[in-house]
Amino acid sequence: MTTTKRGRPRGFDRDTALAQATSLFWQHGFEGTSIADLTSAMGISPPSLYAAFGDKRTLFHEVVERYGGTFGAFMDKALTEESDPRRGFARMLDEAALAYTDPSHPAGCLVITAATNYSKQTADVERDLRERRRANVRSFETRLEDARSRGSLGQDTDTRALAVYFAAVVQGMSQQARDGATAQELRRVAELAMTVWPPSDASS
């Protein structure tokens, strides 16, 4: 195979290779995906992989960043685009049901499942994903606090507990999708989850 000076094969498409790596990490997790798996799926040699992406951790970090801006972008988009906070969270859960069961890619959420199993050597990977999930909880809480300040939620609403609740629902939906739950089943879960939405002071 003819290569460039950096060991990268001619015709190498970085975006395509990154998409293939994303699919592998999404399906098998960080620990379950080897360099051999990656180079085979991406159609490149180990030197080409290192030249293009750095080591496995660096590649995984880029995959997670890419995932957040593509497959995982629906969460922030739903919460940002809907002016009514309840509609925003309802849309987020409904779109999670569809996204996590989409047959065009592995089931569930990469950020939730990619480091389920880890060793001492890869604990930093698990910590990074855990922090990303915690950041989602903080984002939920900020949005809920804003809704409370604007009167869309009652003043006695426990926004922290509600934020953790929504995160737990999202994570549970991801796992259920991995276990074979259908989009219809998860959309019903999303509907049921929204029944806990607290009333505003004006409606109580």
N, C-alpha and C. Protein backbone atom coordinates (compact mmCIF):
# COMPACT_ATOMS: atom_id res chain seq x y z
N MET A 1 0.85 -1.19 0.00
CA MET A 1 0.00 0.00 0.00
C MET A 1 0.88 1.23 0.00
N THR A 2 0.61 2.15 -0.94
CA THR A 2 1.38 3.38 -1.03
C THR A 2 0.96 4.32 0.08
N THR A 3 1.93 4.90 0.76
CA THR A 3 1.62 5.77 1.88
C THR A 3 2.29 7.11 1.72
N THR A 4 1.86 8.06 2.53
CA THR A 4 2.51 9.36 2.57
C THR A 4 3.72 9.26 3.48
N LYS A 5 4.45 10.35 3.62
CA LYS A 5 5.65 10.35 4.45
C LYS A 5 5.31 10.08 5.91
N ARG A 6 4.10 10.44 6.34
CA ARG A 6 3.72 10.24 7.73
C ARG A 6 3.10 8.87 7.96
N GLY A 7 3.14 8.01 6.95
CA GLY A 7 2.60 6.67 7.12
C GLY A 7 1.11 6.59 6.91
N ARG A 8 0.49 7.64 6.43
CA ARG A 8 -0.94 7.65 6.20
C ARG A 8 -1.24 7.20 4.78
N PRO A 9 -2.17 6.25 4.58
CA PRO A 9 -2.46 5.77 3.23
C PRO A 9 -3.05 6.87 2.36
N ARG A 10 -2.69 6.84 1.06
CA ARG A 10 -3.25 7.81 0.13
C ARG A 10 -4.77 7.59 0.08
N GLY A 11 -5.51 8.69 -0.05
CA GLY A 11 -6.95 8.60 -0.08
C GLY A 11 -7.57 8.49 1.31
N PHE A 12 -6.77 8.62 2.33
CA PHE A 12 -7.25 8.53 3.70
C PHE A 12 -8.25 9.64 3.98
N ASP A 13 -9.45 9.25 4.43
CA ASP A 13 -10.50 10.20 4.79
C ASP A 13 -10.62 10.22 6.30
N ARG A 14 -10.14 11.30 6.90
CA ARG A 14 -10.08 11.37 8.36
C ARG A 14 -11.47 11.29 9.00
N ASP A 15 -12.44 11.99 8.42
CA ASP A 15 -13.79 12.00 8.98
C ASP A 15 -14.42 10.61 8.93
N THR A 16 -14.21 9.91 7.82
CA THR A 16 -14.75 8.55 7.70
C THR A 16 -14.10 7.63 8.73
N ALA A 17 -12.80 7.74 8.87
CA ALA A 17 -12.08 6.92 9.85
C ALA A 17 -12.56 7.22 11.27
N LEU A 18 -12.81 8.48 11.55
CA LEU A 18 -13.29 8.87 12.87
C LEU A 18 -14.69 8.32 13.13
N ALA A 19 -15.52 8.32 12.10
CA ALA A 19 -16.87 7.75 12.23
C ALA A 19 -16.80 6.26 12.52
N GLN A 20 -15.87 5.56 11.88
CA GLN A 20 -15.70 4.12 12.13
C GLN A 20 -15.21 3.86 13.55
N ALA A 21 -14.32 4.71 14.03
CA ALA A 21 -13.83 4.58 15.41
C ALA A 21 -14.96 4.86 16.40
N THR A 22 -15.78 5.84 16.09
CA THR A 22 -16.93 6.16 16.95
C THR A 22 -17.84 4.96 17.10
N SER A 23 -18.14 4.31 15.99
CA SER A 23 -19.02 3.14 16.03
C SER A 23 -18.44 2.03 16.89
N LEU A 24 -17.15 1.80 16.78
CA LEU A 24 -16.50 0.75 17.58
C LEU A 24 -16.53 1.06 19.08
N PHE A 25 -16.12 2.26 19.44
CA PHE A 25 -16.13 2.64 20.86
C PHE A 25 -17.55 2.63 21.41
N TRP A 26 -18.49 3.05 20.62
CA TRP A 26 -19.89 3.10 21.03
C TRP A 26 -20.43 1.70 21.31
N GLN A 27 -20.05 0.78 20.45
CA GLN A 27 -20.56 -0.59 20.59
C GLN A 27 -19.83 -1.39 21.65
N HIS A 28 -18.51 -1.24 21.72
CA HIS A 28 -17.70 -2.12 22.58
C HIS A 28 -17.09 -1.43 23.79
N GLY A 29 -17.17 -0.10 23.85
CA GLY A 29 -16.56 0.62 24.95
C GLY A 29 -15.07 0.83 24.75
N PHE A 30 -14.47 1.63 25.62
CA PHE A 30 -13.05 1.93 25.49
C PHE A 30 -12.19 0.69 25.72
N GLU A 31 -12.46 -0.03 26.82
CA GLU A 31 -11.66 -1.22 27.14
C GLU A 31 -11.84 -2.31 26.09
N GLY A 32 -13.07 -2.45 25.57
CA GLY A 32 -13.36 -3.54 24.66
C GLY A 32 -12.94 -3.30 23.23
N THR A 33 -12.37 -2.15 22.95
CA THR A 33 -11.92 -1.83 21.60
C THR A 33 -10.40 -1.77 21.58
N SER A 34 -9.79 -2.60 20.77
CA SER A 34 -8.33 -2.65 20.70
C SER A 34 -7.81 -1.83 19.52
N ILE A 35 -6.53 -1.58 19.53
CA ILE A 35 -5.89 -0.91 18.39
C ILE A 35 -6.09 -1.74 17.13
N ALA A 36 -6.00 -3.07 17.25
CA ALA A 36 -6.21 -3.94 16.09
C ALA A 36 -7.62 -3.80 15.55
N ASP A 37 -8.61 -3.70 16.45
CA ASP A 37 -10.00 -3.49 16.02
C ASP A 37 -10.11 -2.18 15.25
N LEU A 38 -9.50 -1.15 15.79
CA LEU A 38 -9.61 0.18 15.19
C LEU A 38 -8.96 0.22 13.81
N THR A 39 -7.73 -0.29 13.73
CA THR A 39 -7.03 -0.22 12.44
C THR A 39 -7.72 -1.08 11.38
N SER A 40 -8.31 -2.20 11.81
CA SER A 40 -9.03 -3.06 10.86
C SER A 40 -10.26 -2.34 10.32
N ALA A 41 -11.05 -1.74 11.20
CA ALA A 41 -12.27 -1.06 10.78
C ALA A 41 -11.98 0.19 9.97
N MET A 42 -10.90 0.88 10.35
CA MET A 42 -10.56 2.14 9.69
C MET A 42 -9.75 1.93 8.42
N GLY A 43 -9.25 0.72 8.22
CA GLY A 43 -8.49 0.41 7.03
C GLY A 43 -7.13 1.08 6.98
N ILE A 44 -6.50 1.24 8.15
CA ILE A 44 -5.19 1.88 8.21
C ILE A 44 -4.27 1.06 9.10
N SER A 45 -2.99 1.34 9.03
CA SER A 45 -2.01 0.65 9.86
C SER A 45 -1.89 1.36 11.20
N PRO A 46 -1.33 0.70 12.21
CA PRO A 46 -1.11 1.38 13.49
C PRO A 46 -0.32 2.68 13.35
N PRO A 47 0.78 2.72 12.58
CA PRO A 47 1.49 4.00 12.43
C PRO A 47 0.61 5.10 11.85
N SER A 48 -0.28 4.72 10.92
CA SER A 48 -1.19 5.71 10.33
C SER A 48 -2.17 6.23 11.38
N LEU A 49 -2.64 5.33 12.22
CA LEU A 49 -3.56 5.75 13.29
C LEU A 49 -2.89 6.73 14.23
N TYR A 50 -1.67 6.39 14.66
CA TYR A 50 -0.95 7.27 15.58
C TYR A 50 -0.64 8.61 14.93
N ALA A 51 -0.30 8.58 13.65
CA ALA A 51 0.03 9.82 12.95
C ALA A 51 -1.19 10.72 12.81
N ALA A 52 -2.35 10.11 12.59
CA ALA A 52 -3.56 10.89 12.35
C ALA A 52 -4.27 11.30 13.64
N PHE A 53 -4.24 10.43 14.66
CA PHE A 53 -5.06 10.66 15.84
C PHE A 53 -4.31 10.66 17.16
N GLY A 54 -3.05 10.28 17.18
CA GLY A 54 -2.36 10.11 18.43
C GLY A 54 -2.63 8.72 18.99
N ASP A 55 -2.56 8.54 20.29
CA ASP A 55 -2.78 7.22 20.87
C ASP A 55 -4.28 6.94 21.03
N LYS A 56 -4.59 5.77 21.59
CA LYS A 56 -5.99 5.35 21.72
C LYS A 56 -6.80 6.32 22.58
N ARG A 57 -6.22 6.81 23.67
CA ARG A 57 -6.93 7.74 24.54
C ARG A 57 -7.26 9.04 23.80
N THR A 58 -6.29 9.54 23.04
CA THR A 58 -6.48 10.78 22.30
C THR A 58 -7.57 10.61 21.25
N LEU A 59 -7.55 9.46 20.58
CA LEU A 59 -8.58 9.16 19.59
C LEU A 59 -9.95 9.08 20.27
N PHE A 60 -10.02 8.41 21.41
CA PHE A 60 -11.29 8.28 22.11
C PHE A 60 -11.82 9.65 22.54
N HIS A 61 -10.93 10.51 23.02
CA HIS A 61 -11.35 11.86 23.42
C HIS A 61 -11.95 12.59 22.23
N GLU A 62 -11.34 12.46 21.07
CA GLU A 62 -11.86 13.12 19.87
C GLU A 62 -13.21 12.52 19.49
N VAL A 63 -13.34 11.21 19.64
CA VAL A 63 -14.61 10.53 19.35
C VAL A 63 -15.71 11.08 20.26
N VAL A 64 -15.42 11.21 21.54
CA VAL A 64 -16.42 11.69 22.49
C VAL A 64 -16.82 13.14 22.17
N GLU A 65 -15.84 13.96 21.81
CA GLU A 65 -16.14 15.34 21.43
C GLU A 65 -17.02 15.36 20.18
N ARG A 66 -16.70 14.52 19.23
CA ARG A 66 -17.49 14.43 17.99
C ARG A 66 -18.90 13.96 18.30
N TYR A 67 -19.02 12.98 19.18
CA TYR A 67 -20.33 12.45 19.54
C TYR A 67 -21.20 13.56 20.16
N GLY A 68 -20.60 14.35 21.04
CA GLY A 68 -21.36 15.41 21.69
C GLY A 68 -21.89 16.45 20.73
N GLY A 69 -21.16 16.67 19.64
CA GLY A 69 -21.58 17.66 18.67
C GLY A 69 -22.45 17.12 17.56
N THR A 70 -22.64 15.80 17.54
CA THR A 70 -23.45 15.18 16.49
C THR A 70 -24.59 14.37 17.10
N PHE A 71 -24.33 13.11 17.42
CA PHE A 71 -25.37 12.22 17.92
C PHE A 71 -25.96 12.68 19.25
N GLY A 72 -25.13 13.27 20.10
CA GLY A 72 -25.61 13.68 21.41
C GLY A 72 -26.10 15.11 21.49
N ALA A 73 -26.12 15.81 20.36
CA ALA A 73 -26.46 17.23 20.38
C ALA A 73 -27.95 17.48 20.61
N PHE A 74 -28.77 16.45 20.45
CA PHE A 74 -30.22 16.65 20.57
C PHE A 74 -30.63 17.13 21.96
N MET A 75 -29.88 16.75 22.99
CA MET A 75 -30.28 17.12 24.35
C MET A 75 -30.25 18.63 24.56
N ASP A 76 -29.10 19.23 24.30
CA ASP A 76 -28.97 20.67 24.49
C ASP A 76 -29.85 21.43 23.51
N LYS A 77 -29.99 20.89 22.31
CA LYS A 77 -30.82 21.55 21.29
C LYS A 77 -32.27 21.62 21.73
N ALA A 78 -32.78 20.51 22.27
CA ALA A 78 -34.18 20.50 22.72
C ALA A 78 -34.40 21.49 23.85
N LEU A 79 -33.49 21.52 24.81
CA LEU A 79 -33.65 22.40 25.96
C LEU A 79 -33.46 23.87 25.60
N THR A 80 -32.67 24.13 24.58
CA THR A 80 -32.40 25.51 24.17
C THR A 80 -33.49 26.07 23.26
N GLU A 81 -33.96 25.23 22.34
CA GLU A 81 -34.91 25.71 21.33
C GLU A 81 -36.33 25.88 21.85
N GLU A 82 -36.70 25.15 22.88
CA GLU A 82 -38.05 25.25 23.42
C GLU A 82 -38.11 26.36 24.48
N SER A 83 -38.98 27.33 24.27
CA SER A 83 -39.09 28.43 25.23
C SER A 83 -39.74 27.99 26.53
N ASP A 84 -40.62 26.99 26.46
CA ASP A 84 -41.25 26.47 27.66
C ASP A 84 -40.40 25.33 28.21
N PRO A 85 -39.93 25.44 29.46
CA PRO A 85 -39.01 24.42 29.99
C PRO A 85 -39.60 23.02 30.02
N ARG A 86 -40.88 22.91 30.32
CA ARG A 86 -41.48 21.58 30.35
C ARG A 86 -41.45 20.95 28.96
N ARG A 87 -41.79 21.72 27.95
CA ARG A 87 -41.72 21.20 26.58
C ARG A 87 -40.29 20.82 26.21
N GLY A 88 -39.33 21.60 26.71
CA GLY A 88 -37.93 21.30 26.42
C GLY A 88 -37.51 19.96 26.97
N PHE A 89 -37.82 19.68 28.23
CA PHE A 89 -37.45 18.41 28.83
C PHE A 89 -38.24 17.26 28.22
N ALA A 90 -39.51 17.48 27.90
CA ALA A 90 -40.31 16.44 27.26
C ALA A 90 -39.74 16.10 25.89
N ARG A 91 -39.35 17.13 25.15
CA ARG A 91 -38.76 16.89 23.83
C ARG A 91 -37.43 16.15 23.95
N MET A 92 -36.63 16.54 24.94
CA MET A 92 -35.34 15.87 25.14
C MET A 92 -35.53 14.38 25.37
N LEU A 93 -36.46 14.00 26.24
CA LEU A 93 -36.67 12.59 26.54
C LEU A 93 -37.24 11.85 25.34
N ASP A 94 -38.15 12.48 24.63
CA ASP A 94 -38.73 11.83 23.46
C ASP A 94 -37.67 11.60 22.39
N GLU A 95 -36.82 12.59 22.18
CA GLU A 95 -35.77 12.44 21.17
C GLU A 95 -34.71 11.44 21.63
N ALA A 96 -34.50 11.33 22.94
CA ALA A 96 -33.59 10.30 23.45
C ALA A 96 -34.12 8.91 23.11
N ALA A 97 -35.43 8.72 23.24
CA ALA A 97 -36.04 7.44 22.91
C ALA A 97 -35.77 7.07 21.45
N LEU A 98 -35.85 8.05 20.58
CA LEU A 98 -35.62 7.79 19.15
C LEU A 98 -34.13 7.62 18.85
N ALA A 99 -33.31 8.49 19.43
CA ALA A 99 -31.87 8.44 19.16
C ALA A 99 -31.24 7.16 19.68
N TYR A 100 -31.62 6.72 20.87
CA TYR A 100 -30.99 5.56 21.49
C TYR A 100 -31.39 4.25 20.83
N THR A 101 -32.46 4.25 20.04
CA THR A 101 -32.91 3.04 19.37
C THR A 101 -32.74 3.11 17.85
N ASP A 102 -32.12 4.16 17.37
CA ASP A 102 -31.90 4.33 15.93
C ASP A 102 -31.05 3.17 15.40
N PRO A 103 -31.56 2.39 14.45
CA PRO A 103 -30.81 1.22 13.97
C PRO A 103 -29.59 1.56 13.12
N SER A 104 -29.41 2.84 12.78
CA SER A 104 -28.27 3.22 11.94
C SER A 104 -26.96 3.30 12.71
N HIS A 105 -27.04 3.17 14.04
CA HIS A 105 -25.83 3.21 14.86
C HIS A 105 -26.05 2.37 16.11
N PRO A 106 -25.00 2.10 16.89
CA PRO A 106 -25.17 1.30 18.11
C PRO A 106 -26.20 1.91 19.06
N ALA A 107 -26.86 1.06 19.83
CA ALA A 107 -27.92 1.51 20.73
C ALA A 107 -27.36 2.26 21.92
N GLY A 108 -28.20 3.08 22.52
CA GLY A 108 -27.84 3.79 23.74
C GLY A 108 -26.98 5.00 23.50
N CYS A 109 -26.37 5.48 24.58
CA CYS A 109 -25.54 6.68 24.56
C CYS A 109 -24.09 6.32 24.80
N LEU A 110 -23.21 6.75 23.93
CA LEU A 110 -21.79 6.44 24.05
C LEU A 110 -21.21 6.94 25.37
N VAL A 111 -21.58 8.15 25.78
CA VAL A 111 -21.01 8.74 27.00
C VAL A 111 -21.44 7.95 28.24
N ILE A 112 -22.61 7.32 28.18
CA ILE A 112 -23.11 6.55 29.30
C ILE A 112 -22.51 5.16 29.34
N THR A 113 -22.29 4.55 28.17
CA THR A 113 -21.91 3.13 28.13
C THR A 113 -20.45 2.84 27.82
N ALA A 114 -19.70 3.81 27.33
CA ALA A 114 -18.37 3.51 26.80
C ALA A 114 -17.33 3.15 27.85
N ALA A 115 -17.59 3.45 29.11
CA ALA A 115 -16.63 3.11 30.16
C ALA A 115 -17.31 2.40 31.32
N THR A 116 -18.26 1.52 30.98
CA THR A 116 -18.93 0.73 32.01
C THR A 116 -17.92 -0.15 32.73
N ASN A 117 -17.03 -0.76 31.96
CA ASN A 117 -15.95 -1.58 32.52
C ASN A 117 -14.63 -0.85 32.31
N TYR A 118 -13.84 -0.75 33.37
CA TYR A 118 -12.55 -0.09 33.25
C TYR A 118 -11.59 -0.65 34.29
N SER A 119 -10.31 -0.46 34.05
CA SER A 119 -9.27 -0.93 34.95
C SER A 119 -8.57 0.27 35.58
N LYS A 120 -7.61 0.00 36.46
CA LYS A 120 -6.85 1.09 37.07
C LYS A 120 -6.13 1.90 36.00
N GLN A 121 -5.72 1.22 34.94
CA GLN A 121 -4.97 1.89 33.88
C GLN A 121 -5.85 2.84 33.05
N THR A 122 -7.15 2.60 33.07
CA THR A 122 -8.04 3.43 32.26
C THR A 122 -9.05 4.18 33.12
N ALA A 123 -8.76 4.31 34.41
CA ALA A 123 -9.68 5.01 35.31
C ALA A 123 -9.86 6.47 34.89
N ASP A 124 -8.85 7.06 34.25
CA ASP A 124 -8.96 8.45 33.82
C ASP A 124 -10.03 8.60 32.74
N VAL A 125 -10.18 7.58 31.90
CA VAL A 125 -11.21 7.61 30.86
C VAL A 125 -12.59 7.60 31.51
N GLU A 126 -12.76 6.73 32.50
CA GLU A 126 -14.03 6.65 33.20
C GLU A 126 -14.34 7.95 33.93
N ARG A 127 -13.32 8.57 34.53
CA ARG A 127 -13.52 9.83 35.24
C ARG A 127 -13.97 10.93 34.29
N ASP A 128 -13.39 10.96 33.10
CA ASP A 128 -13.76 11.99 32.12
C ASP A 128 -15.22 11.83 31.71
N LEU A 129 -15.66 10.60 31.43
CA LEU A 129 -17.05 10.39 31.05
C LEU A 129 -17.99 10.68 32.21
N ARG A 130 -17.58 10.31 33.42
CA ARG A 130 -18.40 10.60 34.59
C ARG A 130 -18.58 12.11 34.76
N GLU A 131 -17.52 12.86 34.54
CA GLU A 131 -17.60 14.30 34.67
C GLU A 131 -18.52 14.89 33.59
N ARG A 132 -18.50 14.31 32.41
CA ARG A 132 -19.41 14.78 31.35
C ARG A 132 -20.86 14.54 31.76
N ARG A 133 -21.13 13.39 32.37
CA ARG A 133 -22.49 13.11 32.82
C ARG A 133 -22.89 14.05 33.96
N ARG A 134 -21.95 14.33 34.85
CA ARG A 134 -22.23 15.28 35.92
C ARG A 134 -22.49 16.68 35.36
N ALA A 135 -21.78 17.02 34.30
CA ALA A 135 -21.99 18.32 33.67
C ALA A 135 -23.41 18.42 33.11
N ASN A 136 -23.93 17.31 32.61
CA ASN A 136 -25.31 17.30 32.13
C ASN A 136 -26.28 17.57 33.27
N VAL A 137 -26.02 16.96 34.42
CA VAL A 137 -26.88 17.20 35.59
C VAL A 137 -26.84 18.67 35.98
N ARG A 138 -25.65 19.25 36.00
CA ARG A 138 -25.53 20.67 36.35
C ARG A 138 -26.27 21.54 35.34
N SER A 139 -26.19 21.17 34.06
CA SER A 139 -26.91 21.92 33.03
C SER A 139 -28.42 21.82 33.24
N PHE A 140 -28.89 20.61 33.53
CA PHE A 140 -30.32 20.44 33.82
C PHE A 140 -30.73 21.32 35.00
N GLU A 141 -29.92 21.29 36.06
CA GLU A 141 -30.26 22.04 37.26
C GLU A 141 -30.30 23.54 36.99
N THR A 142 -29.35 24.04 36.21
CA THR A 142 -29.33 25.45 35.86
C THR A 142 -30.59 25.85 35.11
N ARG A 143 -31.00 25.01 34.18
CA ARG A 143 -32.20 25.31 33.39
C ARG A 143 -33.46 25.26 34.27
N LEU A 144 -33.48 24.31 35.19
CA LEU A 144 -34.63 24.20 36.08
C LEU A 144 -34.69 25.36 37.07
N GLU A 145 -33.52 25.80 37.53
CA GLU A 145 -33.49 26.96 38.42
C GLU A 145 -33.98 28.21 37.70
N ASP A 146 -33.61 28.32 36.43
CA ASP A 146 -34.07 29.45 35.63
C ASP A 146 -35.59 29.38 35.47
N ALA A 147 -36.11 28.17 35.23
CA ALA A 147 -37.56 28.00 35.09
C ALA A 147 -38.27 28.38 36.39
N ARG A 148 -37.69 28.03 37.52
CA ARG A 148 -38.28 28.37 38.81
C ARG A 148 -38.27 29.89 39.03
N SER A 149 -37.16 30.52 38.65
CA SER A 149 -37.06 31.97 38.84
C SER A 149 -38.05 32.73 37.97
N ARG A 150 -38.43 32.13 36.83
CA ARG A 150 -39.38 32.78 35.93
C ARG A 150 -40.82 32.36 36.20
N GLY A 151 -41.01 31.53 37.23
CA GLY A 151 -42.36 31.15 37.62
C GLY A 151 -42.92 29.94 36.91
N SER A 152 -42.10 29.26 36.09
CA SER A 152 -42.57 28.06 35.39
C SER A 152 -42.59 26.84 36.30
N LEU A 153 -41.89 26.94 37.42
CA LEU A 153 -41.90 25.92 38.46
C LEU A 153 -42.19 26.58 39.79
N GLY A 154 -42.81 25.83 40.69
CA GLY A 154 -43.08 26.37 42.02
C GLY A 154 -41.80 26.70 42.76
N GLN A 155 -41.88 27.69 43.63
CA GLN A 155 -40.69 28.13 44.35
C GLN A 155 -40.13 27.07 45.29
N ASP A 156 -40.95 26.10 45.67
CA ASP A 156 -40.47 25.05 46.56
C ASP A 156 -39.96 23.83 45.81
N THR A 157 -39.82 23.93 44.48
CA THR A 157 -39.32 22.81 43.68
C THR A 157 -37.86 22.52 44.02
N ASP A 158 -37.56 21.26 44.25
CA ASP A 158 -36.18 20.82 44.49
C ASP A 158 -35.52 20.61 43.13
N THR A 159 -34.90 21.65 42.61
CA THR A 159 -34.35 21.58 41.25
C THR A 159 -33.19 20.60 41.15
N ARG A 160 -32.42 20.44 42.22
CA ARG A 160 -31.32 19.48 42.18
C ARG A 160 -31.87 18.06 42.04
N ALA A 161 -32.86 17.72 42.85
CA ALA A 161 -33.44 16.38 42.78
C ALA A 161 -34.08 16.14 41.42
N LEU A 162 -34.73 17.16 40.87
CA LEU A 162 -35.38 17.01 39.57
C LEU A 162 -34.35 16.85 38.46
N ALA A 163 -33.23 17.55 38.57
CA ALA A 163 -32.16 17.41 37.58
C ALA A 163 -31.57 16.00 37.62
N VAL A 164 -31.31 15.49 38.82
CA VAL A 164 -30.79 14.13 38.96
C VAL A 164 -31.80 13.12 38.44
N TYR A 165 -33.07 13.38 38.67
CA TYR A 165 -34.14 12.50 38.18
C TYR A 165 -34.09 12.40 36.66
N PHE A 166 -34.03 13.54 35.98
CA PHE A 166 -34.00 13.51 34.52
C PHE A 166 -32.74 12.82 34.00
N ALA A 167 -31.62 13.03 34.67
CA ALA A 167 -30.40 12.34 34.27
C ALA A 167 -30.55 10.83 34.44
N ALA A 168 -31.19 10.42 35.54
CA ALA A 168 -31.41 8.99 35.79
C ALA A 168 -32.32 8.38 34.73
N VAL A 169 -33.34 9.13 34.33
CA VAL A 169 -34.24 8.64 33.28
C VAL A 169 -33.48 8.46 31.97
N VAL A 170 -32.68 9.46 31.61
CA VAL A 170 -31.90 9.39 30.36
C VAL A 170 -30.95 8.19 30.40
N GLN A 171 -30.25 8.01 31.52
CA GLN A 171 -29.30 6.90 31.63
C GLN A 171 -30.03 5.55 31.59
N GLY A 172 -31.18 5.49 32.24
CA GLY A 172 -31.96 4.26 32.21
C GLY A 172 -32.48 3.94 30.82
N MET A 173 -32.89 4.95 30.09
CA MET A 173 -33.36 4.75 28.71
C MET A 173 -32.23 4.22 27.84
N SER A 174 -31.02 4.75 28.06
CA SER A 174 -29.87 4.28 27.30
C SER A 174 -29.64 2.78 27.54
N GLN A 175 -29.67 2.38 28.81
CA GLN A 175 -29.44 0.97 29.12
C GLN A 175 -30.57 0.10 28.58
N GLN A 176 -31.80 0.57 28.68
CA GLN A 176 -32.91 -0.21 28.15
C GLN A 176 -32.80 -0.38 26.64
N ALA A 177 -32.33 0.66 25.96
CA ALA A 177 -32.12 0.55 24.51
C ALA A 177 -31.05 -0.48 24.21
N ARG A 178 -29.99 -0.50 25.01
CA ARG A 178 -28.93 -1.50 24.82
C ARG A 178 -29.48 -2.92 25.04
N ASP A 179 -30.48 -3.02 25.91
CA ASP A 179 -31.07 -4.33 26.22
C ASP A 179 -32.19 -4.71 25.27
N GLY A 180 -32.48 -3.85 24.28
CA GLY A 180 -33.45 -4.22 23.25
C GLY A 180 -34.78 -3.52 23.31
N ALA A 181 -34.97 -2.56 24.21
CA ALA A 181 -36.24 -1.83 24.26
C ALA A 181 -36.47 -1.10 22.94
N THR A 182 -37.72 -1.01 22.53
CA THR A 182 -38.06 -0.35 21.27
C THR A 182 -38.25 1.15 21.47
N ALA A 183 -38.27 1.87 20.37
CA ALA A 183 -38.50 3.31 20.43
C ALA A 183 -39.87 3.60 21.04
N GLN A 184 -40.87 2.80 20.68
CA GLN A 184 -42.21 3.00 21.19
C GLN A 184 -42.25 2.82 22.71
N GLU A 185 -41.56 1.81 23.21
CA GLU A 185 -41.51 1.58 24.65
C GLU A 185 -40.84 2.74 25.37
N LEU A 186 -39.75 3.22 24.81
CA LEU A 186 -39.02 4.31 25.47
C LEU A 186 -39.75 5.64 25.35
N ARG A 187 -40.50 5.84 24.28
CA ARG A 187 -41.29 7.06 24.18
C ARG A 187 -42.39 7.07 25.24
N ARG A 188 -42.93 5.90 25.54
CA ARG A 188 -43.92 5.81 26.60
C ARG A 188 -43.27 6.09 27.96
N VAL A 189 -42.05 5.60 28.15
CA VAL A 189 -41.30 5.92 29.37
C VAL A 189 -41.12 7.43 29.49
N ALA A 190 -40.78 8.06 28.38
CA ALA A 190 -40.58 9.52 28.37
C ALA A 190 -41.86 10.24 28.79
N GLU A 191 -42.98 9.77 28.30
CA GLU A 191 -44.26 10.38 28.67
C GLU A 191 -44.53 10.22 30.16
N LEU A 192 -44.32 9.02 30.67
CA LEU A 192 -44.54 8.76 32.09
C LEU A 192 -43.60 9.58 32.96
N ALA A 193 -42.36 9.73 32.50
CA ALA A 193 -41.37 10.48 33.28
C ALA A 193 -41.80 11.92 33.47
N MET A 194 -42.49 12.49 32.50
CA MET A 194 -42.88 13.89 32.58
C MET A 194 -44.06 14.12 33.52
N THR A 195 -44.71 13.06 33.98
CA THR A 195 -45.84 13.24 34.89
C THR A 195 -45.40 13.76 36.26
N VAL A 196 -44.10 13.72 36.54
CA VAL A 196 -43.63 14.23 37.84
C VAL A 196 -43.34 15.73 37.80
N TRP A 197 -43.48 16.34 36.63
CA TRP A 197 -43.14 17.76 36.52
C TRP A 197 -43.97 18.57 37.52
N PRO A 198 -43.33 19.31 38.39
CA PRO A 198 -44.06 20.05 39.43
C PRO A 198 -44.86 21.21 38.84
N PRO A 199 -45.98 21.54 39.43
CA PRO A 199 -46.77 22.69 38.93
C PRO A 199 -46.10 24.00 39.31
N SER A 200 -46.45 25.03 38.57
CA SER A 200 -45.98 26.37 38.93
C SER A 200 -46.86 26.89 40.07
N ASP A 201 -46.41 27.93 40.73
CA ASP A 201 -47.21 28.50 41.82
C ASP A 201 -48.56 29.01 41.30
N ALA A 202 -48.55 29.49 40.06
CA ALA A 202 -49.78 30.05 39.49
C ALA A 202 -50.84 28.98 39.23
N SER A 203 -50.37 27.75 38.94
CA SER A 203 -51.32 26.68 38.60
C SER A 203 -51.67 25.81 39.79
N SER A 204 -50.95 25.99 40.90
CA SER A 204 -51.20 25.14 42.07
C SER A 204 -52.36 25.67 42.92
